[in-house]
Each structure stands twice: as C-alpha cells, then as structure tokens.
Amino acid sequence: VQFHHAENHKLVTTGVYAWFRHPAYV
C-alpha cells in the first residue's frame, strides 16, 4: 500500500477495474 502519491500513480478504472475496484485482490 502506497502512502505517498507518486506522479505516475493514476486512478485506473478501465478493463478489469471497471468490473471490480480491487481485481488483483479478488
């Protein structure tokens, strides 16, 4: 878990992230 917002950290909402917020954990 990242507690510092890096510049290249974007919110991904496409692909499998449109199905679930946490597909990697699923």
PDB file of all heavy atoms in Angstrom:
ATOM      1  N   VAL A   1       0.856  -1.190   0.000  1.00  0.00           N
ATOM      2  CA  VAL A   1       0.000   0.000   0.000  1.00  0.00           C
ATOM      3  C   VAL A   1       0.892   1.240   0.000  1.00  0.00           C
ATOM      4  O   VAL A   1       1.831   1.350   0.794  1.00  0.00           O
ATOM      5  CB  VAL A   1      -0.924   0.019   1.229  1.00  0.00           C
ATOM      6  CG1 VAL A   1      -1.734   1.315   1.278  1.00  0.00           C
ATOM      7  CG2 VAL A   1      -1.855  -1.184   1.211  1.00  0.00           C
ATOM      8  N   GLN A   2       0.600   2.159  -0.927  1.00  0.00           N
ATOM      9  CA  GLN A   2       1.397   3.377  -1.056  1.00  0.00           C
ATOM     10  C   GLN A   2       0.761   4.524  -0.257  1.00  0.00           C
ATOM     11  O   GLN A   2      -0.433   4.813  -0.424  1.00  0.00           O
ATOM     12  CB  GLN A   2       1.499   3.778  -2.533  1.00  0.00           C
ATOM     13  CG  GLN A   2       2.130   2.707  -3.403  1.00  0.00           C
ATOM     14  CD  GLN A   2       3.558   2.416  -3.028  1.00  0.00           C
ATOM     15  OE1 GLN A   2       4.438   3.270  -3.165  1.00  0.00           O
ATOM     16  NE2 GLN A   2       3.806   1.210  -2.551  1.00  0.00           N
ATOM     17  N   PHE A   3       1.560   5.152   0.596  1.00  0.00           N
ATOM     18  CA  PHE A   3       1.056   6.260   1.406  1.00  0.00           C
ATOM     19  C   PHE A   3       1.533   7.612   0.880  1.00  0.00           C
ATOM     20  O   PHE A   3       1.180   8.651   1.419  1.00  0.00           O
ATOM     21  CB  PHE A   3       1.501   6.080   2.866  1.00  0.00           C
ATOM     22  CG  PHE A   3       0.919   4.852   3.509  1.00  0.00           C
ATOM     23  CD1 PHE A   3       1.659   3.685   3.598  1.00  0.00           C
ATOM     24  CD2 PHE A   3      -0.380   4.855   3.988  1.00  0.00           C
ATOM     25  CE1 PHE A   3       1.119   2.547   4.177  1.00  0.00           C
ATOM     26  CE2 PHE A   3      -0.942   3.728   4.571  1.00  0.00           C
ATOM     27  CZ  PHE A   3      -0.177   2.566   4.661  1.00  0.00           C
ATOM     28  N   HIS A   4       2.337   7.565  -0.196  1.00  0.00           N
ATOM     29  CA  HIS A   4       2.786   8.791  -0.853  1.00  0.00           C
ATOM     30  C   HIS A   4       2.312   8.764  -2.297  1.00  0.00           C
ATOM     31  O   HIS A   4       2.507   7.773  -3.010  1.00  0.00           O
ATOM     32  CB  HIS A   4       4.318   8.891  -0.818  1.00  0.00           C
ATOM     33  CG  HIS A   4       4.855  10.028  -1.634  1.00  0.00           C
ATOM     34  ND1 HIS A   4       4.708  11.350  -1.257  1.00  0.00           N
ATOM     35  CD2 HIS A   4       5.529  10.029  -2.818  1.00  0.00           C
ATOM     36  CE1 HIS A   4       5.280  12.123  -2.169  1.00  0.00           C
ATOM     37  NE2 HIS A   4       5.779  11.346  -3.125  1.00  0.00           N
ATOM     38  N   HIS A   5       1.673   9.835  -2.726  1.00  0.00           N
ATOM     39  CA  HIS A   5       1.104   9.903  -4.075  1.00  0.00           C
ATOM     40  C   HIS A   5       2.199  10.265  -5.076  1.00  0.00           C
ATOM     41  O   HIS A   5       2.587  11.427  -5.203  1.00  0.00           O
ATOM     42  CB  HIS A   5      -0.019  10.937  -4.125  1.00  0.00           C
ATOM     43  CG  HIS A   5      -0.778  10.915  -5.421  1.00  0.00           C
ATOM     44  ND1 HIS A   5      -1.709  11.883  -5.760  1.00  0.00           N
ATOM     45  CD2 HIS A   5      -0.752  10.052  -6.474  1.00  0.00           C
ATOM     46  CE1 HIS A   5      -2.208  11.613  -6.944  1.00  0.00           C
ATOM     47  NE2 HIS A   5      -1.643  10.509  -7.391  1.00  0.00           N
ATOM     48  N   ALA A   6       2.681   9.251  -5.794  1.00  0.00           N
ATOM     49  CA  ALA A   6       3.689   9.480  -6.818  1.00  0.00           C
ATOM     50  C   ALA A   6       3.046  10.085  -8.060  1.00  0.00           C
ATOM     51  O   ALA A   6       1.846   9.915  -8.314  1.00  0.00           O
ATOM     52  CB  ALA A   6       4.379   8.167  -7.174  1.00  0.00           C
ATOM     53  N   GLU A   7       3.855  10.774  -8.857  1.00  0.00           N
ATOM     54  CA  GLU A   7       3.339  11.452 -10.052  1.00  0.00           C
ATOM     55  C   GLU A   7       2.762  10.460 -11.071  1.00  0.00           C
ATOM     56  O   GLU A   7       1.808  10.774 -11.776  1.00  0.00           O
ATOM     57  CB  GLU A   7       4.453  12.272 -10.709  1.00  0.00           C
ATOM     58  CG  GLU A   7       4.887  13.493  -9.882  1.00  0.00           C
ATOM     59  CD  GLU A   7       5.932  14.325 -10.612  1.00  0.00           C
ATOM     60  OE1 GLU A   7       6.219  13.993 -11.786  1.00  0.00           O
ATOM     61  OE2 GLU A   7       6.452  15.280 -10.016  1.00  0.00           O
ATOM     62  N   ASN A   8       3.359   9.273 -11.144  1.00  0.00           N
ATOM     63  CA  ASN A   8       2.900   8.298 -12.143  1.00  0.00           C
ATOM     64  C   ASN A   8       1.781   7.402 -11.627  1.00  0.00           C
ATOM     65  O   ASN A   8       1.365   6.459 -12.301  1.00  0.00           O
ATOM     66  CB  ASN A   8       4.072   7.429 -12.623  1.00  0.00           C
ATOM     67  CG  ASN A   8       4.723   6.656 -11.487  1.00  0.00           C
ATOM     68  OD1 ASN A   8       4.266   6.693 -10.341  1.00  0.00           O
ATOM     69  ND2 ASN A   8       5.818   5.972 -11.790  1.00  0.00           N
ATOM     70  N   HIS A   9       1.288   7.698 -10.434  1.00  0.00           N
ATOM     71  CA  HIS A   9       0.203   6.898  -9.854  1.00  0.00           C
ATOM     72  C   HIS A   9      -1.136   7.476 -10.308  1.00  0.00           C
ATOM     73  O   HIS A   9      -1.567   8.519  -9.829  1.00  0.00           O
ATOM     74  CB  HIS A   9       0.305   6.892  -8.326  1.00  0.00           C
ATOM     75  CG  HIS A   9      -0.645   5.926  -7.686  1.00  0.00           C
ATOM     76  ND1 HIS A   9      -0.759   5.790  -6.327  1.00  0.00           N
ATOM     77  CD2 HIS A   9      -1.538   5.044  -8.223  1.00  0.00           C
ATOM     78  CE1 HIS A   9      -1.670   4.866  -6.045  1.00  0.00           C
ATOM     79  NE2 HIS A   9      -2.151   4.409  -7.184  1.00  0.00           N
ATOM     80  N   LYS A  10      -1.777   6.798 -11.232  1.00  0.00           N
ATOM     81  CA  LYS A  10      -3.046   7.248 -11.787  1.00  0.00           C
ATOM     82  C   LYS A  10      -4.182   6.340 -11.312  1.00  0.00           C
ATOM     83  O   LYS A  10      -3.959   5.165 -10.992  1.00  0.00           O
ATOM     84  CB  LYS A  10      -2.998   7.229 -13.320  1.00  0.00           C
ATOM     85  CG  LYS A  10      -1.800   7.955 -13.923  1.00  0.00           C
ATOM     86  CD  LYS A  10      -1.819   9.446 -13.601  1.00  0.00           C
ATOM     87  CE  LYS A  10      -0.627  10.152 -14.261  1.00  0.00           C
ATOM     88  NZ  LYS A  10      -0.578  11.594 -13.905  1.00  0.00           N
ATOM     89  N   LEU A  11      -5.374   6.877 -11.283  1.00  0.00           N
ATOM     90  CA  LEU A  11      -6.541   6.078 -10.931  1.00  0.00           C
ATOM     91  C   LEU A  11      -6.980   5.300 -12.167  1.00  0.00           C
ATOM     92  O   LEU A  11      -7.373   5.889 -13.173  1.00  0.00           O
ATOM     93  CB  LEU A  11      -7.675   6.967 -10.433  1.00  0.00           C
ATOM     94  CG  LEU A  11      -8.976   6.238 -10.065  1.00  0.00           C
ATOM     95  CD1 LEU A  11      -8.726   5.223  -8.951  1.00  0.00           C
ATOM     96  CD2 LEU A  11     -10.055   7.237  -9.650  1.00  0.00           C
ATOM     97  N   VAL A  12      -6.915   3.996 -12.092  1.00  0.00           N
ATOM     98  CA  VAL A  12      -7.272   3.130 -13.220  1.00  0.00           C
ATOM     99  C   VAL A  12      -8.695   2.629 -13.024  1.00  0.00           C
ATOM    100  O   VAL A  12      -9.017   2.026 -11.992  1.00  0.00           O
ATOM    101  CB  VAL A  12      -6.303   1.934 -13.320  1.00  0.00           C
ATOM    102  CG1 VAL A  12      -6.669   1.056 -14.510  1.00  0.00           C
ATOM    103  CG2 VAL A  12      -4.862   2.417 -13.428  1.00  0.00           C
ATOM    104  N   THR A  13      -9.534   2.890 -14.000  1.00  0.00           N
ATOM    105  CA  THR A  13     -10.947   2.475 -13.894  1.00  0.00           C
ATOM    106  C   THR A  13     -11.411   1.706 -15.134  1.00  0.00           C
ATOM    107  O   THR A  13     -12.596   1.446 -15.296  1.00  0.00           O
ATOM    108  CB  THR A  13     -11.857   3.703 -13.711  1.00  0.00           C
ATOM    109  OG1 THR A  13     -11.704   4.577 -14.844  1.00  0.00           O
ATOM    110  CG2 THR A  13     -11.501   4.461 -12.444  1.00  0.00           C
ATOM    111  N   THR A  14     -10.466   1.336 -15.995  1.00  0.00           N
ATOM    112  CA  THR A  14     -10.818   0.634 -17.233  1.00  0.00           C
ATOM    113  C   THR A  14     -10.447  -0.843 -17.136  1.00  0.00           C
ATOM    114  O   THR A  14      -9.811  -1.282 -16.186  1.00  0.00           O
ATOM    115  CB  THR A  14     -10.089   1.262 -18.428  1.00  0.00           C
ATOM    116  OG1 THR A  14      -8.671   1.220 -18.192  1.00  0.00           O
ATOM    117  CG2 THR A  14     -10.513   2.709 -18.614  1.00  0.00           C
ATOM    118  N   GLY A  15     -10.851  -1.611 -18.162  1.00  0.00           N
ATOM    119  CA  GLY A  15     -10.516  -3.034 -18.179  1.00  0.00           C
ATOM    120  C   GLY A  15     -11.174  -3.764 -17.012  1.00  0.00           C
ATOM    121  O   GLY A  15     -12.343  -3.548 -16.702  1.00  0.00           O
ATOM    122  N   VAL A  16     -10.409  -4.614 -16.341  1.00  0.00           N
ATOM    123  CA  VAL A  16     -10.960  -5.380 -15.212  1.00  0.00           C
ATOM    124  C   VAL A  16     -11.286  -4.474 -14.024  1.00  0.00           C
ATOM    125  O   VAL A  16     -12.058  -4.858 -13.147  1.00  0.00           O
ATOM    126  CB  VAL A  16      -9.992  -6.497 -14.775  1.00  0.00           C
ATOM    127  CG1 VAL A  16      -9.911  -7.592 -15.818  1.00  0.00           C
ATOM    128  CG2 VAL A  16      -8.609  -5.944 -14.459  1.00  0.00           C
ATOM    129  N   TYR A  17     -10.715  -3.261 -14.030  1.00  0.00           N
ATOM    130  CA  TYR A  17     -11.024  -2.315 -12.955  1.00  0.00           C
ATOM    131  C   TYR A  17     -12.410  -1.697 -13.120  1.00  0.00           C
ATOM    132  O   TYR A  17     -12.906  -1.039 -12.200  1.00  0.00           O
ATOM    133  CB  TYR A  17      -9.954  -1.213 -12.886  1.00  0.00           C
ATOM    134  CG  TYR A  17      -8.651  -1.719 -12.301  1.00  0.00           C
ATOM    135  CD1 TYR A  17      -7.688  -2.314 -13.110  1.00  0.00           C
ATOM    136  CD2 TYR A  17      -8.394  -1.623 -10.937  1.00  0.00           C
ATOM    137  CE1 TYR A  17      -6.505  -2.798 -12.582  1.00  0.00           C
ATOM    138  CE2 TYR A  17      -7.209  -2.103 -10.397  1.00  0.00           C
ATOM    139  CZ  TYR A  17      -6.278  -2.691 -11.221  1.00  0.00           C
ATOM    140  OH  TYR A  17      -5.102  -3.178 -10.683  1.00  0.00           O
ATOM    141  N   ALA A  18     -13.003  -1.905 -14.276  1.00  0.00           N
ATOM    142  CA  ALA A  18     -14.395  -1.493 -14.458  1.00  0.00           C
ATOM    143  C   ALA A  18     -15.338  -2.527 -13.851  1.00  0.00           C
ATOM    144  O   ALA A  18     -16.504  -2.223 -13.583  1.00  0.00           O
ATOM    145  CB  ALA A  18     -14.691  -1.310 -15.951  1.00  0.00           C
ATOM    146  N   TRP A  19     -14.831  -3.739 -13.634  1.00  0.00           N
ATOM    147  CA  TRP A  19     -15.635  -4.792 -13.010  1.00  0.00           C
ATOM    148  C   TRP A  19     -15.570  -4.693 -11.485  1.00  0.00           C
ATOM    149  O   TRP A  19     -16.584  -4.756 -10.811  1.00  0.00           O
ATOM    150  CB  TRP A  19     -15.134  -6.174 -13.412  1.00  0.00           C
ATOM    151  CG  TRP A  19     -15.034  -6.441 -14.875  1.00  0.00           C
ATOM    152  CD1 TRP A  19     -15.547  -5.679 -15.892  1.00  0.00           C
ATOM    153  CD2 TRP A  19     -14.360  -7.535 -15.502  1.00  0.00           C
ATOM    154  NE1 TRP A  19     -15.241  -6.226 -17.105  1.00  0.00           N
ATOM    155  CE2 TRP A  19     -14.514  -7.372 -16.904  1.00  0.00           C
ATOM    156  CE3 TRP A  19     -13.653  -8.632 -15.023  1.00  0.00           C
ATOM    157  CZ2 TRP A  19     -13.979  -8.283 -17.813  1.00  0.00           C
ATOM    158  CZ3 TRP A  19     -13.124  -9.546 -15.927  1.00  0.00           C
ATOM    159  CH2 TRP A  19     -13.291  -9.356 -17.310  1.00  0.00           C
ATOM    160  N   PHE A  20     -14.351  -4.568 -10.968  1.00  0.00           N
ATOM    161  CA  PHE A  20     -14.115  -4.506  -9.524  1.00  0.00           C
ATOM    162  C   PHE A  20     -13.110  -3.406  -9.218  1.00  0.00           C
ATOM    163  O   PHE A  20     -12.269  -3.076 -10.054  1.00  0.00           O
ATOM    164  CB  PHE A  20     -13.526  -5.827  -8.983  1.00  0.00           C
ATOM    165  CG  PHE A  20     -14.140  -7.069  -9.531  1.00  0.00           C
ATOM    166  CD1 PHE A  20     -13.392  -7.951 -10.299  1.00  0.00           C
ATOM    167  CD2 PHE A  20     -15.465  -7.386  -9.263  1.00  0.00           C
ATOM    168  CE1 PHE A  20     -13.935  -9.118 -10.791  1.00  0.00           C
ATOM    169  CE2 PHE A  20     -16.024  -8.555  -9.748  1.00  0.00           C
ATOM    170  CZ  PHE A  20     -15.268  -9.413 -10.522  1.00  0.00           C
ATOM    171  N   ARG A  21     -13.187  -2.863  -8.009  1.00  0.00           N
ATOM    172  CA  ARG A  21     -12.204  -1.854  -7.610  1.00  0.00           C
ATOM    173  C   ARG A  21     -10.852  -2.491  -7.289  1.00  0.00           C
ATOM    174  O   ARG A  21      -9.820  -1.828  -7.376  1.00  0.00           O
ATOM    175  CB  ARG A  21     -12.707  -1.076  -6.384  1.00  0.00           C
ATOM    176  CG  ARG A  21     -13.947  -0.260  -6.623  1.00  0.00           C
ATOM    177  CD  ARG A  21     -14.088   0.887  -5.646  1.00  0.00           C
ATOM    178  NE  ARG A  21     -14.198   0.474  -4.255  1.00  0.00           N
ATOM    179  CZ  ARG A  21     -15.327   0.094  -3.662  1.00  0.00           C
ATOM    180  NH1 ARG A  21     -16.455   0.036  -4.378  1.00  0.00           N
ATOM    181  NH2 ARG A  21     -15.355  -0.230  -2.387  1.00  0.00           N
ATOM    182  N   HIS A  22     -10.876  -3.768  -6.908  1.00  0.00           N
ATOM    183  CA  HIS A  22      -9.627  -4.428  -6.489  1.00  0.00           C
ATOM    184  C   HIS A  22      -9.497  -5.801  -7.153  1.00  0.00           C
ATOM    185  O   HIS A  22      -9.473  -6.833  -6.464  1.00  0.00           O
ATOM    186  CB  HIS A  22      -9.603  -4.571  -4.964  1.00  0.00           C
ATOM    187  CG  HIS A  22      -9.724  -3.278  -4.237  1.00  0.00           C
ATOM    188  ND1 HIS A  22      -8.649  -2.435  -4.040  1.00  0.00           N
ATOM    189  CD2 HIS A  22     -10.809  -2.672  -3.674  1.00  0.00           C
ATOM    190  CE1 HIS A  22      -9.054  -1.367  -3.367  1.00  0.00           C
ATOM    191  NE2 HIS A  22     -10.359  -1.486  -3.139  1.00  0.00           N
ATOM    192  N   PRO A  23      -9.393  -5.841  -8.481  1.00  0.00           N
ATOM    193  CA  PRO A  23      -9.348  -7.135  -9.172  1.00  0.00           C
ATOM    194  C   PRO A  23      -8.136  -7.993  -8.807  1.00  0.00           C
ATOM    195  O   PRO A  23      -8.229  -9.223  -8.799  1.00  0.00           O
ATOM    196  CB  PRO A  23      -9.335  -6.748 -10.654  1.00  0.00           C
ATOM    197  CG  PRO A  23      -8.803  -5.349 -10.666  1.00  0.00           C
ATOM    198  CD  PRO A  23      -9.330  -4.712  -9.424  1.00  0.00           C
ATOM    199  N   ALA A  24      -7.005  -7.354  -8.497  1.00  0.00           N
ATOM    200  CA  ALA A  24      -5.819  -8.128  -8.126  1.00  0.00           C
ATOM    201  C   ALA A  24      -6.044  -8.869  -6.808  1.00  0.00           C
ATOM    202  O   ALA A  24      -5.613 -10.013  -6.644  1.00  0.00           O
ATOM    203  CB  ALA A  24      -4.599  -7.210  -8.009  1.00  0.00           C
ATOM    204  N   TYR A  25      -6.743  -8.216  -5.881  1.00  0.00           N
ATOM    205  CA  TYR A  25      -7.055  -8.867  -4.608  1.00  0.00           C
ATOM    206  C   TYR A  25      -8.104  -9.962  -4.790  1.00  0.00           C
ATOM    207  O   TYR A  25      -8.044 -11.006  -4.140  1.00  0.00           O
ATOM    208  CB  TYR A  25      -7.570  -7.841  -3.600  1.00  0.00           C
ATOM    209  CG  TYR A  25      -6.545  -6.823  -3.155  1.00  0.00           C
ATOM    210  CD1 TYR A  25      -6.928  -5.630  -2.560  1.00  0.00           C
ATOM    211  CD2 TYR A  25      -5.184  -7.055  -3.329  1.00  0.00           C
ATOM    212  CE1 TYR A  25      -5.997  -4.693  -2.146  1.00  0.00           C
ATOM    213  CE2 TYR A  25      -4.240  -6.114  -2.922  1.00  0.00           C
ATOM    214  CZ  TYR A  25      -4.652  -4.931  -2.331  1.00  0.00           C
ATOM    215  OH  TYR A  25      -3.730  -4.009  -1.925  1.00  0.00           O
ATOM    216  N   VAL A  26      -9.060  -9.705  -5.673  1.00  0.00           N
ATOM    217  CA  VAL A  26     -10.088 -10.721  -5.956  1.00  0.00           C
ATOM    218  C   VAL A  26      -9.416 -11.982  -6.504  1.00  0.00           C
ATOM    219  O   VAL A  26      -9.696 -13.110  -6.077  1.00  0.00           O
ATOM    220  CB  VAL A  26     -11.126 -10.189  -6.961  1.00  0.00           C
ATOM    221  CG1 VAL A  26     -12.108 -11.296  -7.355  1.00  0.00           C
ATOM    222  CG2 VAL A  26     -11.884  -9.005  -6.374  1.00  0.00           C
TER     223      VAL A  26
END
